[in-house]
């Protein structure tokens, strides 16, 4: 699968973040999803997940994979990644495109938990409720024939059967632990800076 991921948005200045912003701010906005998803046949992570209801309506043949785990383990993981202080890990001179993505994530992620205060400290009880409520909402919204609910790290068999694919002859993958989370995002920022310089050079040569 060609999969759309948050790191794609973070590293590619041609990704129009305004599509998600307009979808968030105006529920009657025109259909612009093909601008960002037209070249992909799967999507994971932010900023896709907060718009899953709009996307399953737009793409009626799409299947949904919901990974579940205990709320406690999810919260611990979030504290090691998203909620971990980025003071010394993320450069201060991040490009404008990346800052727009960060601002978007703060608005739409976790039901806007950090919408009004980007530095809001995580509250375990509140966040675990958001997590559990999201799981139940997905179960209500997505028809059973389009939904696969998987335990985190469960393996290939049920996933491949759901997607109509052969089970690959390799171990089930594991990625995005705390250290990898930050190194991936720093790499994405560096790639974005290079891409922006190339775009600027092309503009000057016209």
N, C-alpha and C. Protein backbone atom coordinates (compact mmCIF):
# COMPACT_ATOMS: atom_id res chain seq x y z
N UNK A 1 0.83 -1.20 0.00
CA UNK A 1 0.00 0.00 0.00
C UNK A 1 0.87 1.25 0.00
N UNK A 2 0.40 2.27 -0.72
CA UNK A 2 1.02 3.59 -0.63
C UNK A 2 0.27 4.33 0.47
N UNK A 3 0.93 4.53 1.60
CA UNK A 3 0.25 4.97 2.82
C UNK A 3 0.58 6.41 3.17
N UNK A 4 -0.46 7.19 3.38
CA UNK A 4 -0.29 8.58 3.82
C UNK A 4 -0.05 8.58 5.33
N UNK A 5 0.97 9.30 5.77
CA UNK A 5 1.37 9.30 7.17
C UNK A 5 1.66 10.74 7.60
N UNK A 6 1.58 10.99 8.89
CA UNK A 6 1.86 12.32 9.42
C UNK A 6 3.24 12.82 8.99
N UNK A 7 4.22 11.93 8.90
CA UNK A 7 5.56 12.36 8.50
C UNK A 7 5.57 12.88 7.07
N UNK A 8 4.65 12.39 6.24
CA UNK A 8 4.53 12.91 4.88
C UNK A 8 4.10 14.36 4.93
N UNK A 9 3.13 14.67 5.76
CA UNK A 9 2.66 16.05 5.90
C UNK A 9 3.78 16.93 6.44
N UNK A 10 4.53 16.39 7.40
CA UNK A 10 5.57 17.18 8.04
C UNK A 10 6.74 17.48 7.12
N UNK A 11 7.01 16.60 6.16
CA UNK A 11 8.23 16.74 5.35
C UNK A 11 7.99 17.24 3.94
N UNK A 12 6.73 17.36 3.53
CA UNK A 12 6.42 17.71 2.14
C UNK A 12 5.67 19.04 2.08
N UNK A 13 6.33 20.11 1.61
CA UNK A 13 5.67 21.43 1.57
C UNK A 13 4.54 21.51 0.56
N UNK A 14 4.42 20.51 -0.33
CA UNK A 14 3.31 20.53 -1.29
C UNK A 14 2.02 19.99 -0.67
N UNK A 15 2.10 19.38 0.50
CA UNK A 15 0.90 18.93 1.20
C UNK A 15 0.14 20.15 1.72
N UNK A 16 -1.09 20.31 1.26
CA UNK A 16 -1.88 21.49 1.62
C UNK A 16 -2.56 21.28 2.97
N UNK A 17 -1.95 21.81 4.01
CA UNK A 17 -2.51 21.67 5.36
C UNK A 17 -3.85 22.38 5.46
N UNK A 18 -4.06 23.37 4.59
CA UNK A 18 -5.32 24.08 4.59
C UNK A 18 -6.52 23.19 4.35
N UNK A 19 -6.33 22.06 3.68
CA UNK A 19 -7.44 21.13 3.45
C UNK A 19 -8.02 20.66 4.77
N UNK A 20 -7.16 20.25 5.69
CA UNK A 20 -7.63 19.77 6.99
C UNK A 20 -8.16 20.92 7.84
N UNK A 21 -7.51 22.08 7.75
CA UNK A 21 -7.96 23.24 8.52
C UNK A 21 -9.37 23.62 8.09
N UNK A 22 -9.60 23.68 6.78
CA UNK A 22 -10.94 24.04 6.29
C UNK A 22 -11.97 22.98 6.67
N UNK A 23 -11.56 21.72 6.63
CA UNK A 23 -12.48 20.65 7.02
C UNK A 23 -12.86 20.76 8.49
N UNK A 24 -11.92 21.22 9.31
CA UNK A 24 -12.17 21.36 10.74
C UNK A 24 -13.05 22.58 11.04
N UNK A 25 -12.77 23.69 10.35
CA UNK A 25 -13.44 24.94 10.67
C UNK A 25 -14.79 25.09 9.99
N UNK A 26 -14.99 24.41 8.87
CA UNK A 26 -16.23 24.56 8.12
C UNK A 26 -16.73 23.18 7.70
N UNK A 27 -17.72 22.68 8.40
CA UNK A 27 -18.24 21.34 8.11
C UNK A 27 -18.93 21.28 6.74
N UNK A 28 -19.26 22.44 6.16
CA UNK A 28 -19.89 22.47 4.84
C UNK A 28 -18.89 22.80 3.73
N UNK A 29 -17.62 22.63 4.03
CA UNK A 29 -16.60 22.94 3.03
C UNK A 29 -16.74 22.01 1.83
N UNK A 30 -16.21 22.47 0.69
CA UNK A 30 -16.22 21.62 -0.49
C UNK A 30 -15.30 20.43 -0.32
N UNK A 31 -15.54 19.40 -1.11
CA UNK A 31 -14.73 18.18 -1.02
C UNK A 31 -13.35 18.43 -1.60
N UNK A 32 -12.33 18.43 -0.73
CA UNK A 32 -10.95 18.65 -1.17
C UNK A 32 -10.05 17.46 -0.85
N UNK A 33 -10.62 16.36 -0.40
CA UNK A 33 -9.78 15.28 0.10
C UNK A 33 -8.84 14.70 -0.95
N UNK A 34 -9.25 14.72 -2.21
CA UNK A 34 -8.39 14.15 -3.24
C UNK A 34 -7.09 14.93 -3.39
N UNK A 35 -7.08 16.19 -2.96
CA UNK A 35 -5.86 16.98 -3.03
C UNK A 35 -4.73 16.35 -2.20
N UNK A 36 -5.10 15.74 -1.10
CA UNK A 36 -4.07 15.17 -0.22
C UNK A 36 -4.03 13.65 -0.23
N UNK A 37 -5.15 13.01 -0.58
CA UNK A 37 -5.19 11.55 -0.55
C UNK A 37 -5.25 10.90 -1.94
N UNK A 38 -5.32 11.72 -2.98
CA UNK A 38 -5.52 11.18 -4.32
C UNK A 38 -4.45 10.21 -4.78
N UNK A 39 -3.22 10.38 -4.31
CA UNK A 39 -2.11 9.51 -4.72
C UNK A 39 -1.87 8.37 -3.74
N UNK A 40 -2.78 8.17 -2.79
CA UNK A 40 -2.58 7.15 -1.75
C UNK A 40 -3.76 6.18 -1.74
N UNK A 41 -3.51 4.98 -1.22
CA UNK A 41 -4.60 4.02 -1.07
C UNK A 41 -4.76 3.57 0.38
N UNK A 42 -4.08 4.24 1.31
CA UNK A 42 -4.24 3.98 2.74
C UNK A 42 -3.76 5.22 3.50
N UNK A 43 -4.20 5.36 4.73
CA UNK A 43 -3.79 6.51 5.54
C UNK A 43 -3.80 6.12 7.01
N UNK A 44 -2.81 6.63 7.75
CA UNK A 44 -2.71 6.38 9.19
C UNK A 44 -2.31 7.67 9.89
N UNK A 45 -2.48 7.68 11.20
CA UNK A 45 -1.94 8.75 12.04
C UNK A 45 -2.64 10.09 11.78
N UNK A 46 -2.15 11.12 12.43
CA UNK A 46 -2.65 12.46 12.21
C UNK A 46 -2.08 13.01 10.91
N UNK A 47 -2.78 13.95 10.26
CA UNK A 47 -4.09 14.50 10.64
C UNK A 47 -5.29 13.72 10.10
N UNK A 48 -5.06 12.48 9.68
CA UNK A 48 -6.15 11.68 9.11
C UNK A 48 -7.17 11.25 10.15
N UNK A 49 -6.70 10.70 11.26
CA UNK A 49 -7.59 10.04 12.22
C UNK A 49 -8.73 10.93 12.72
N UNK A 50 -8.50 12.20 13.07
CA UNK A 50 -9.62 13.00 13.55
C UNK A 50 -10.73 13.21 12.52
N UNK A 51 -10.44 12.93 11.25
CA UNK A 51 -11.44 13.12 10.19
C UNK A 51 -11.93 11.79 9.62
N UNK A 52 -11.84 10.73 10.42
CA UNK A 52 -12.17 9.41 9.88
C UNK A 52 -13.62 9.33 9.43
N UNK A 53 -14.54 10.02 10.10
CA UNK A 53 -15.94 9.94 9.71
C UNK A 53 -16.19 10.57 8.34
N UNK A 54 -15.57 11.72 8.11
CA UNK A 54 -15.69 12.36 6.81
C UNK A 54 -15.06 11.51 5.71
N UNK A 55 -13.94 10.87 6.03
CA UNK A 55 -13.21 10.11 5.03
C UNK A 55 -13.90 8.79 4.67
N UNK A 56 -14.50 8.12 5.64
CA UNK A 56 -15.20 6.87 5.29
C UNK A 56 -16.46 7.16 4.49
N UNK A 57 -17.01 8.35 4.66
CA UNK A 57 -18.16 8.74 3.83
C UNK A 57 -17.69 9.08 2.41
N UNK A 58 -16.54 9.75 2.34
CA UNK A 58 -16.00 10.14 1.02
C UNK A 58 -15.51 8.93 0.24
N UNK A 59 -14.96 7.94 0.95
CA UNK A 59 -14.43 6.74 0.30
C UNK A 59 -15.20 5.51 0.80
N UNK A 60 -16.37 5.26 0.23
CA UNK A 60 -17.26 4.21 0.77
C UNK A 60 -16.72 2.79 0.65
N UNK A 61 -15.70 2.57 -0.14
CA UNK A 61 -15.11 1.24 -0.25
C UNK A 61 -13.97 1.03 0.75
N UNK A 62 -13.59 2.09 1.44
CA UNK A 62 -12.45 2.01 2.35
C UNK A 62 -12.77 1.14 3.57
N UNK A 63 -11.77 0.41 4.02
CA UNK A 63 -11.88 -0.36 5.25
C UNK A 63 -11.18 0.38 6.37
N UNK A 64 -11.58 0.09 7.60
CA UNK A 64 -11.03 0.77 8.77
C UNK A 64 -10.40 -0.26 9.69
N UNK A 65 -9.17 0.00 10.10
CA UNK A 65 -8.48 -0.87 11.06
C UNK A 65 -8.30 -0.08 12.35
N UNK A 66 -8.90 -0.56 13.40
CA UNK A 66 -8.83 0.09 14.71
C UNK A 66 -7.93 -0.73 15.62
N UNK A 67 -6.78 -0.19 15.97
CA UNK A 67 -5.89 -0.88 16.91
C UNK A 67 -6.25 -0.47 18.33
N UNK A 68 -6.36 -1.45 19.20
CA UNK A 68 -6.76 -1.19 20.58
C UNK A 68 -5.70 -1.73 21.53
N UNK A 69 -5.70 -1.16 22.70
CA UNK A 69 -4.79 -1.57 23.77
C UNK A 69 -5.39 -1.05 25.06
N UNK A 70 -4.78 -1.32 26.19
CA UNK A 70 -5.31 -0.77 27.43
C UNK A 70 -5.09 0.74 27.44
N UNK A 71 -6.01 1.45 28.04
CA UNK A 71 -5.87 2.91 28.13
C UNK A 71 -4.61 3.29 28.89
N UNK A 72 -4.26 2.51 29.90
CA UNK A 72 -3.05 2.80 30.68
C UNK A 72 -1.80 2.72 29.81
N UNK A 73 -1.69 1.68 28.99
CA UNK A 73 -0.49 1.53 28.16
C UNK A 73 -0.44 2.60 27.09
N UNK A 74 -1.62 2.97 26.55
CA UNK A 74 -1.67 4.06 25.57
C UNK A 74 -1.21 5.37 26.21
N UNK A 75 -1.71 5.66 27.39
CA UNK A 75 -1.32 6.90 28.07
C UNK A 75 0.18 6.93 28.33
N UNK A 76 0.73 5.82 28.80
CA UNK A 76 2.18 5.77 29.05
C UNK A 76 2.95 6.02 27.76
N UNK A 77 2.48 5.46 26.65
CA UNK A 77 3.14 5.66 25.36
C UNK A 77 3.07 7.12 24.94
N UNK A 78 1.92 7.74 25.13
CA UNK A 78 1.76 9.15 24.77
C UNK A 78 2.69 10.03 25.58
N UNK A 79 2.87 9.69 26.85
CA UNK A 79 3.77 10.48 27.70
C UNK A 79 5.22 10.34 27.26
N UNK A 80 5.56 9.21 26.65
CA UNK A 80 6.93 9.02 26.16
C UNK A 80 7.15 9.65 24.79
N UNK A 81 6.07 10.04 24.12
CA UNK A 81 6.20 10.57 22.76
C UNK A 81 5.56 11.95 22.65
N UNK A 82 4.27 11.98 22.38
CA UNK A 82 3.59 13.24 22.09
C UNK A 82 3.66 14.23 23.23
N UNK A 83 3.46 13.76 24.46
CA UNK A 83 3.44 14.67 25.59
C UNK A 83 4.81 14.89 26.22
N UNK A 84 5.80 14.20 25.71
CA UNK A 84 7.15 14.38 26.23
C UNK A 84 7.68 15.75 25.84
N UNK A 85 8.41 16.36 26.75
CA UNK A 85 8.96 17.68 26.45
C UNK A 85 9.84 17.61 25.22
N UNK A 86 9.59 18.52 24.28
CA UNK A 86 10.39 18.55 23.05
C UNK A 86 11.38 19.70 23.04
N UNK A 87 11.61 20.27 24.19
CA UNK A 87 12.46 21.46 24.26
C UNK A 87 13.83 21.24 23.65
N UNK A 88 14.43 20.08 23.90
CA UNK A 88 15.78 19.84 23.41
C UNK A 88 15.80 18.89 22.21
N UNK A 89 14.62 18.38 21.81
CA UNK A 89 14.61 17.44 20.70
C UNK A 89 14.20 18.07 19.38
N UNK A 90 13.29 19.03 19.42
CA UNK A 90 12.77 19.63 18.20
C UNK A 90 13.40 21.01 18.02
N UNK A 91 13.96 21.29 16.83
CA UNK A 91 14.60 22.59 16.61
C UNK A 91 13.63 23.74 16.78
N UNK A 92 14.16 24.88 17.21
CA UNK A 92 13.31 26.06 17.39
C UNK A 92 12.98 26.70 16.04
N UNK A 93 13.84 26.51 15.06
CA UNK A 93 13.66 27.16 13.76
C UNK A 93 12.90 26.26 12.79
N UNK A 94 11.80 25.69 13.27
CA UNK A 94 11.05 24.80 12.38
C UNK A 94 10.39 25.64 11.29
N UNK A 95 10.28 25.07 10.08
CA UNK A 95 9.67 25.81 8.97
C UNK A 95 8.21 26.15 9.24
N UNK A 96 7.72 27.15 8.53
CA UNK A 96 6.34 27.59 8.70
C UNK A 96 5.36 26.46 8.42
N UNK A 97 5.66 25.65 7.42
CA UNK A 97 4.78 24.52 7.06
C UNK A 97 4.62 23.57 8.25
N UNK A 98 5.75 23.27 8.91
CA UNK A 98 5.69 22.36 10.06
C UNK A 98 4.92 22.99 11.21
N UNK A 99 5.10 24.29 11.42
CA UNK A 99 4.38 24.96 12.49
C UNK A 99 2.88 24.91 12.24
N UNK A 100 2.48 25.05 10.98
CA UNK A 100 1.06 24.94 10.65
C UNK A 100 0.52 23.56 10.99
N UNK A 101 1.34 22.54 10.72
CA UNK A 101 0.92 21.17 11.02
C UNK A 101 0.78 20.97 12.53
N UNK A 102 1.74 21.53 13.28
CA UNK A 102 1.68 21.43 14.74
C UNK A 102 0.42 22.11 15.26
N UNK A 103 0.13 23.31 14.72
CA UNK A 103 -1.06 24.04 15.15
C UNK A 103 -2.33 23.26 14.83
N UNK A 104 -2.35 22.64 13.65
CA UNK A 104 -3.51 21.82 13.27
C UNK A 104 -3.69 20.66 14.23
N UNK A 105 -2.59 19.97 14.53
CA UNK A 105 -2.66 18.82 15.43
C UNK A 105 -3.20 19.22 16.80
N UNK A 106 -2.78 20.39 17.28
CA UNK A 106 -3.26 20.85 18.58
C UNK A 106 -4.75 21.12 18.57
N UNK A 107 -5.28 21.52 17.42
CA UNK A 107 -6.70 21.80 17.32
C UNK A 107 -7.54 20.52 17.25
N UNK A 108 -7.09 19.57 16.45
CA UNK A 108 -7.97 18.45 16.13
C UNK A 108 -7.67 17.16 16.89
N UNK A 109 -6.44 17.00 17.38
CA UNK A 109 -6.08 15.74 18.03
C UNK A 109 -6.69 15.63 19.42
N UNK A 110 -7.07 14.42 19.79
CA UNK A 110 -7.59 14.15 21.14
C UNK A 110 -8.73 15.08 21.51
N UNK A 111 -9.62 15.27 20.53
CA UNK A 111 -10.80 16.13 20.75
C UNK A 111 -10.40 17.55 21.16
N UNK A 112 -9.27 18.01 20.65
CA UNK A 112 -8.83 19.37 20.95
C UNK A 112 -8.30 19.56 22.35
N UNK A 113 -7.72 18.51 22.92
CA UNK A 113 -7.26 18.56 24.32
C UNK A 113 -6.32 19.72 24.57
N UNK A 114 -5.46 20.03 23.58
CA UNK A 114 -4.51 21.14 23.75
C UNK A 114 -4.84 22.32 22.82
N UNK A 115 -6.08 22.42 22.41
CA UNK A 115 -6.48 23.47 21.47
C UNK A 115 -6.22 24.86 22.04
N UNK A 116 -6.62 25.09 23.27
CA UNK A 116 -6.50 26.42 23.86
C UNK A 116 -5.20 26.63 24.62
N UNK A 117 -4.52 25.54 24.95
CA UNK A 117 -3.27 25.65 25.70
C UNK A 117 -2.30 24.56 25.24
N UNK A 118 -1.40 24.88 24.30
CA UNK A 118 -0.46 23.87 23.78
C UNK A 118 0.43 23.25 24.85
N UNK A 119 0.58 23.93 25.98
CA UNK A 119 1.45 23.43 27.05
C UNK A 119 0.65 22.72 28.14
N UNK A 120 -0.62 22.48 27.89
CA UNK A 120 -1.46 21.85 28.91
C UNK A 120 -0.88 20.51 29.34
N UNK A 121 -0.76 20.32 30.63
CA UNK A 121 -0.20 19.08 31.16
C UNK A 121 -1.20 17.93 30.97
N UNK A 122 -0.70 16.75 30.66
CA UNK A 122 -1.61 15.61 30.46
C UNK A 122 -2.29 15.19 31.76
N UNK A 123 -3.58 14.98 31.68
CA UNK A 123 -4.36 14.48 32.81
C UNK A 123 -4.79 13.05 32.46
N UNK A 124 -4.30 12.09 33.20
CA UNK A 124 -4.51 10.69 32.83
C UNK A 124 -5.98 10.33 32.76
N UNK A 125 -6.75 10.72 33.74
CA UNK A 125 -8.16 10.35 33.76
C UNK A 125 -8.90 10.91 32.55
N UNK A 126 -8.66 12.19 32.25
CA UNK A 126 -9.34 12.82 31.11
C UNK A 126 -8.92 12.18 29.79
N UNK A 127 -7.63 11.94 29.63
CA UNK A 127 -7.12 11.40 28.37
C UNK A 127 -7.54 9.96 28.16
N UNK A 128 -7.54 9.17 29.20
CA UNK A 128 -7.98 7.78 29.06
C UNK A 128 -9.46 7.72 28.70
N UNK A 129 -10.24 8.66 29.20
CA UNK A 129 -11.66 8.71 28.81
C UNK A 129 -11.79 9.05 27.32
N UNK A 130 -11.00 10.02 26.85
CA UNK A 130 -11.02 10.37 25.43
C UNK A 130 -10.66 9.15 24.59
N UNK A 131 -9.64 8.43 25.03
CA UNK A 131 -9.18 7.24 24.31
C UNK A 131 -10.28 6.18 24.24
N UNK A 132 -10.87 5.86 25.37
CA UNK A 132 -11.92 4.83 25.40
C UNK A 132 -13.17 5.26 24.64
N UNK A 133 -13.52 6.55 24.76
CA UNK A 133 -14.69 7.06 24.04
C UNK A 133 -14.48 6.96 22.53
N UNK A 134 -13.25 7.23 22.09
CA UNK A 134 -12.96 7.14 20.65
C UNK A 134 -13.17 5.72 20.14
N UNK A 135 -12.69 4.75 20.88
CA UNK A 135 -12.86 3.35 20.47
C UNK A 135 -14.34 3.00 20.33
N UNK A 136 -15.13 3.39 21.32
CA UNK A 136 -16.55 3.08 21.27
C UNK A 136 -17.24 3.82 20.14
N UNK A 137 -16.82 5.05 19.87
CA UNK A 137 -17.41 5.81 18.77
C UNK A 137 -17.14 5.14 17.43
N UNK A 138 -15.90 4.71 17.21
CA UNK A 138 -15.57 4.03 15.96
C UNK A 138 -16.42 2.77 15.79
N UNK A 139 -16.61 2.03 16.85
CA UNK A 139 -17.44 0.81 16.79
C UNK A 139 -18.88 1.14 16.40
N UNK A 140 -19.38 2.29 16.87
CA UNK A 140 -20.75 2.69 16.54
C UNK A 140 -20.87 3.18 15.11
N UNK A 141 -19.87 3.90 14.65
CA UNK A 141 -19.95 4.60 13.37
C UNK A 141 -19.65 3.70 12.18
N UNK A 142 -18.66 2.85 12.30
CA UNK A 142 -18.20 2.05 11.16
C UNK A 142 -18.98 0.74 11.08
N UNK A 143 -19.57 0.43 9.93
CA UNK A 143 -20.27 -0.86 9.79
C UNK A 143 -19.33 -2.03 10.07
N UNK A 144 -19.82 -3.07 10.71
CA UNK A 144 -18.96 -4.20 11.10
C UNK A 144 -18.18 -4.81 9.94
N UNK A 145 -18.79 -4.84 8.75
CA UNK A 145 -18.11 -5.46 7.61
C UNK A 145 -16.93 -4.61 7.10
N UNK A 146 -16.87 -3.37 7.53
CA UNK A 146 -15.76 -2.49 7.10
C UNK A 146 -14.74 -2.29 8.20
N UNK A 147 -14.93 -2.91 9.34
CA UNK A 147 -14.10 -2.62 10.51
C UNK A 147 -13.37 -3.86 11.01
N UNK A 148 -12.07 -3.71 11.22
CA UNK A 148 -11.27 -4.74 11.88
C UNK A 148 -10.71 -4.14 13.17
N UNK A 149 -10.99 -4.80 14.29
CA UNK A 149 -10.47 -4.35 15.58
C UNK A 149 -9.33 -5.28 15.96
N UNK A 150 -8.13 -4.72 16.12
CA UNK A 150 -6.94 -5.52 16.39
C UNK A 150 -6.26 -5.07 17.67
N UNK A 151 -5.77 -6.02 18.42
CA UNK A 151 -4.90 -5.70 19.54
C UNK A 151 -3.55 -5.23 18.99
N UNK A 152 -2.97 -4.25 19.63
CA UNK A 152 -1.68 -3.75 19.19
C UNK A 152 -0.65 -4.88 19.18
N UNK A 153 0.03 -5.06 18.05
CA UNK A 153 1.04 -6.10 17.94
C UNK A 153 0.49 -7.49 17.73
N UNK A 154 -0.77 -7.62 17.34
CA UNK A 154 -1.42 -8.92 17.23
C UNK A 154 -0.79 -9.82 16.17
N UNK A 155 -0.33 -9.25 15.08
CA UNK A 155 0.28 -10.07 14.04
C UNK A 155 -0.43 -9.94 12.71
N UNK A 156 0.03 -10.74 11.73
CA UNK A 156 -0.41 -10.59 10.35
C UNK A 156 -1.74 -11.25 10.01
N UNK A 157 -2.09 -12.38 10.64
CA UNK A 157 -3.11 -13.27 10.10
C UNK A 157 -4.46 -12.58 9.88
N UNK A 158 -5.05 -12.04 10.92
CA UNK A 158 -6.37 -11.42 10.78
C UNK A 158 -6.30 -10.17 9.91
N UNK A 159 -5.21 -9.44 10.02
CA UNK A 159 -5.04 -8.23 9.21
C UNK A 159 -5.03 -8.58 7.72
N UNK A 160 -4.22 -9.56 7.35
CA UNK A 160 -4.11 -9.93 5.93
C UNK A 160 -5.42 -10.52 5.40
N UNK A 161 -6.10 -11.30 6.23
CA UNK A 161 -7.39 -11.85 5.81
C UNK A 161 -8.39 -10.73 5.55
N UNK A 162 -8.42 -9.74 6.42
CA UNK A 162 -9.34 -8.61 6.29
C UNK A 162 -9.06 -7.83 5.01
N UNK A 163 -7.78 -7.69 4.66
CA UNK A 163 -7.39 -6.92 3.48
C UNK A 163 -7.32 -7.76 2.21
N UNK A 164 -7.50 -9.06 2.36
CA UNK A 164 -7.42 -9.93 1.19
C UNK A 164 -6.02 -10.08 0.65
N UNK A 165 -5.04 -10.11 1.55
CA UNK A 165 -3.64 -10.21 1.16
C UNK A 165 -3.02 -11.48 1.74
N UNK A 166 -1.95 -11.94 1.09
CA UNK A 166 -1.21 -13.08 1.62
C UNK A 166 -0.40 -12.65 2.84
N UNK A 167 -0.21 -13.57 3.77
CA UNK A 167 0.61 -13.30 4.95
C UNK A 167 2.07 -13.23 4.53
N UNK A 168 2.76 -12.13 4.78
CA UNK A 168 4.16 -12.02 4.37
C UNK A 168 5.08 -12.93 5.17
N UNK A 169 6.16 -13.32 4.54
CA UNK A 169 7.13 -14.21 5.19
C UNK A 169 8.18 -13.38 5.92
N UNK A 170 7.73 -12.60 6.87
CA UNK A 170 8.62 -11.76 7.67
C UNK A 170 7.91 -11.40 8.97
N UNK A 171 8.67 -11.05 10.00
CA UNK A 171 8.05 -10.74 11.30
C UNK A 171 7.14 -9.52 11.20
N UNK A 172 6.13 -9.52 12.05
CA UNK A 172 5.25 -8.35 12.14
C UNK A 172 6.07 -7.17 12.63
N UNK A 173 5.85 -6.02 12.02
CA UNK A 173 6.71 -4.87 12.29
C UNK A 173 6.33 -4.17 13.60
N UNK A 174 7.30 -3.44 14.11
CA UNK A 174 7.11 -2.61 15.31
C UNK A 174 7.91 -1.33 15.11
N UNK A 175 7.28 -0.20 15.28
CA UNK A 175 7.99 1.05 15.02
C UNK A 175 7.45 2.16 15.89
N UNK A 176 8.19 3.26 15.91
CA UNK A 176 7.75 4.51 16.54
C UNK A 176 7.76 4.47 18.06
N UNK A 177 8.84 3.91 18.64
CA UNK A 177 8.99 4.05 20.08
C UNK A 177 9.42 5.48 20.39
N UNK A 178 9.64 5.78 21.67
CA UNK A 178 9.91 7.16 22.06
C UNK A 178 11.06 7.81 21.32
N UNK A 179 12.22 7.13 21.28
CA UNK A 179 13.38 7.72 20.61
C UNK A 179 13.16 7.83 19.11
N UNK A 180 12.57 6.80 18.52
CA UNK A 180 12.32 6.82 17.08
C UNK A 180 11.33 7.91 16.71
N UNK A 181 10.35 8.14 17.58
CA UNK A 181 9.35 9.18 17.35
C UNK A 181 10.03 10.52 17.10
N UNK A 182 10.96 10.89 17.98
CA UNK A 182 11.61 12.19 17.84
C UNK A 182 12.60 12.22 16.68
N UNK A 183 13.36 11.15 16.49
CA UNK A 183 14.31 11.14 15.38
C UNK A 183 13.59 11.22 14.04
N UNK A 184 12.44 10.56 13.93
CA UNK A 184 11.67 10.63 12.69
C UNK A 184 11.17 12.03 12.41
N UNK A 185 10.72 12.73 13.45
CA UNK A 185 10.20 14.07 13.25
C UNK A 185 11.31 15.07 12.95
N UNK A 186 12.46 14.91 13.57
CA UNK A 186 13.58 15.79 13.24
C UNK A 186 14.02 15.56 11.80
N UNK A 187 14.05 14.29 11.39
CA UNK A 187 14.40 13.96 10.00
C UNK A 187 13.40 14.59 9.04
N UNK A 188 12.11 14.53 9.39
CA UNK A 188 11.08 15.11 8.53
C UNK A 188 11.26 16.61 8.39
N UNK A 189 11.61 17.27 9.49
CA UNK A 189 11.84 18.71 9.45
C UNK A 189 13.03 19.04 8.56
N UNK A 190 14.10 18.27 8.68
CA UNK A 190 15.27 18.49 7.83
C UNK A 190 14.93 18.29 6.36
N UNK A 191 14.14 17.26 6.06
CA UNK A 191 13.73 17.01 4.68
C UNK A 191 12.88 18.16 4.15
N UNK A 192 12.03 18.70 5.01
CA UNK A 192 11.18 19.82 4.60
C UNK A 192 12.02 21.04 4.27
N UNK A 193 13.04 21.32 5.08
CA UNK A 193 13.90 22.47 4.81
C UNK A 193 14.58 22.33 3.45
N UNK A 194 15.06 21.13 3.14
CA UNK A 194 15.69 20.89 1.84
C UNK A 194 14.68 21.08 0.71
N UNK A 195 13.47 20.53 0.89
CA UNK A 195 12.44 20.64 -0.14
C UNK A 195 12.05 22.09 -0.38
N UNK A 196 11.95 22.88 0.69
CA UNK A 196 11.58 24.28 0.54
C UNK A 196 12.66 25.06 -0.19
N UNK A 197 13.93 24.75 0.08
CA UNK A 197 15.03 25.41 -0.63
C UNK A 197 14.99 25.09 -2.12
N UNK A 198 14.69 23.83 -2.46
CA UNK A 198 14.61 23.44 -3.86
C UNK A 198 13.45 24.16 -4.55
N UNK A 199 12.31 24.27 -3.85
CA UNK A 199 11.17 24.96 -4.43
C UNK A 199 11.48 26.43 -4.65
N UNK A 200 12.17 27.04 -3.67
CA UNK A 200 12.55 28.45 -3.80
C UNK A 200 13.50 28.65 -4.97
N UNK A 201 14.44 27.72 -5.14
CA UNK A 201 15.40 27.82 -6.25
C UNK A 201 14.68 27.70 -7.59
N UNK A 202 13.69 26.81 -7.68
CA UNK A 202 12.93 26.67 -8.92
C UNK A 202 12.15 27.94 -9.23
N UNK A 203 11.58 28.54 -8.19
CA UNK A 203 10.82 29.77 -8.39
C UNK A 203 11.71 30.90 -8.89
N UNK A 204 12.94 30.97 -8.37
CA UNK A 204 13.86 32.03 -8.78
C UNK A 204 14.34 31.83 -10.22
N UNK A 205 14.36 30.57 -10.66
CA UNK A 205 14.86 30.29 -12.00
C UNK A 205 13.82 30.52 -13.09
N UNK A 206 12.58 30.75 -12.68
CA UNK A 206 11.52 30.96 -13.68
C UNK A 206 11.63 32.35 -14.32
